[in-house]
């Protein structure tokens, strides 16, 4: 059965049954195959601007210079 065939029936379910269905599907995903694009226990380094206070100062200075040029 395809998703397109299931959706009309699912839409007719009462809210309680929809929540049960969500729980059942979530449990199947949890115990089923790995669908996550991330590798468990691998460290992923993400860029964040928070420790870049120098960049913030440079931007503020550039904005001040631009304000001065307008005057």
Protein backbone atom coordinates (compact mmCIF):
# COMPACT_ATOMS: atom_id res chain seq x y z
CA UNK A 1 0.00 0.00 0.00
CA UNK A 2 1.36 3.43 -0.88
CA UNK A 3 1.39 6.57 1.20
CA UNK A 4 -1.08 8.17 -1.19
CA UNK A 5 -3.48 5.31 -0.50
CA UNK A 6 -2.99 5.54 3.27
CA UNK A 7 -3.33 9.29 3.76
CA UNK A 8 -7.10 9.56 3.18
CA UNK A 9 -7.72 6.86 5.79
CA UNK A 10 -5.27 8.40 8.25
CA UNK A 11 -6.90 11.82 7.88
CA UNK A 12 -10.22 10.31 8.94
CA UNK A 13 -8.81 8.88 12.18
CA UNK A 14 -9.61 10.59 15.47
CA UNK A 15 -6.76 12.52 17.09
CA UNK A 16 -6.11 9.78 19.65
CA UNK A 17 -5.61 7.18 16.95
CA UNK A 18 -3.36 9.52 14.97
CA UNK A 19 -1.17 9.91 18.05
CA UNK A 20 -1.06 6.13 18.48
CA UNK A 21 -0.03 5.79 14.85
CA UNK A 22 2.71 8.38 15.32
CA UNK A 23 3.99 6.47 18.35
CA UNK A 24 3.96 3.15 16.50
CA UNK A 25 5.80 4.60 13.50
CA UNK A 26 8.34 6.37 15.70
CA UNK A 27 9.06 3.15 17.60
CA UNK A 28 9.55 1.30 14.32
CA UNK A 29 12.00 3.92 13.15
CA UNK A 30 13.85 3.77 16.44
CA UNK A 31 14.35 0.02 16.21
CA UNK A 32 14.51 -0.25 12.43
CA UNK A 33 17.19 0.68 9.98
CA UNK A 34 19.33 3.73 10.55
CA UNK A 35 17.84 6.67 8.66
CA UNK A 36 20.00 9.37 10.17
CA UNK A 37 22.57 11.02 7.91
CA UNK A 38 24.82 11.44 10.94
CA UNK A 39 27.20 8.78 12.17
CA UNK A 40 26.64 7.87 15.84
CA UNK A 41 29.42 8.94 18.24
CA UNK A 42 31.22 10.92 15.52
CA UNK A 43 32.29 14.45 16.41
CA UNK A 44 31.06 17.08 13.96
CA UNK A 45 32.79 20.46 14.12
CA UNK A 46 30.45 23.31 13.32
CA UNK A 47 31.45 26.89 12.65
CA UNK A 48 29.88 29.38 15.00
CA UNK A 49 30.49 33.12 15.15
CA UNK A 50 30.27 33.28 18.94
CA UNK A 51 34.00 33.11 19.74
CA UNK A 52 34.75 35.60 16.94
CA UNK A 53 34.58 38.86 18.90
CA UNK A 54 37.32 40.34 16.71
CA UNK A 55 35.09 39.97 13.68
CA UNK A 56 32.27 41.75 15.50
CA UNK A 57 34.59 44.64 16.40
CA UNK A 58 35.80 44.89 12.80
CA UNK A 59 32.23 44.99 11.53
CA UNK A 60 31.25 47.62 14.09
CA UNK A 61 34.26 49.74 13.10
CA UNK A 62 33.40 49.44 9.42
CA UNK A 63 29.84 50.47 10.14
CA UNK A 64 31.04 53.48 12.14
CA UNK A 65 33.33 54.53 9.28
CA UNK A 66 30.45 54.27 6.86
CA UNK A 67 28.28 56.40 9.15
CA UNK A 68 31.07 59.00 9.30
CA UNK A 69 31.32 59.02 5.50
CA UNK A 70 27.62 59.79 5.19
CA UNK A 71 27.86 62.85 7.43
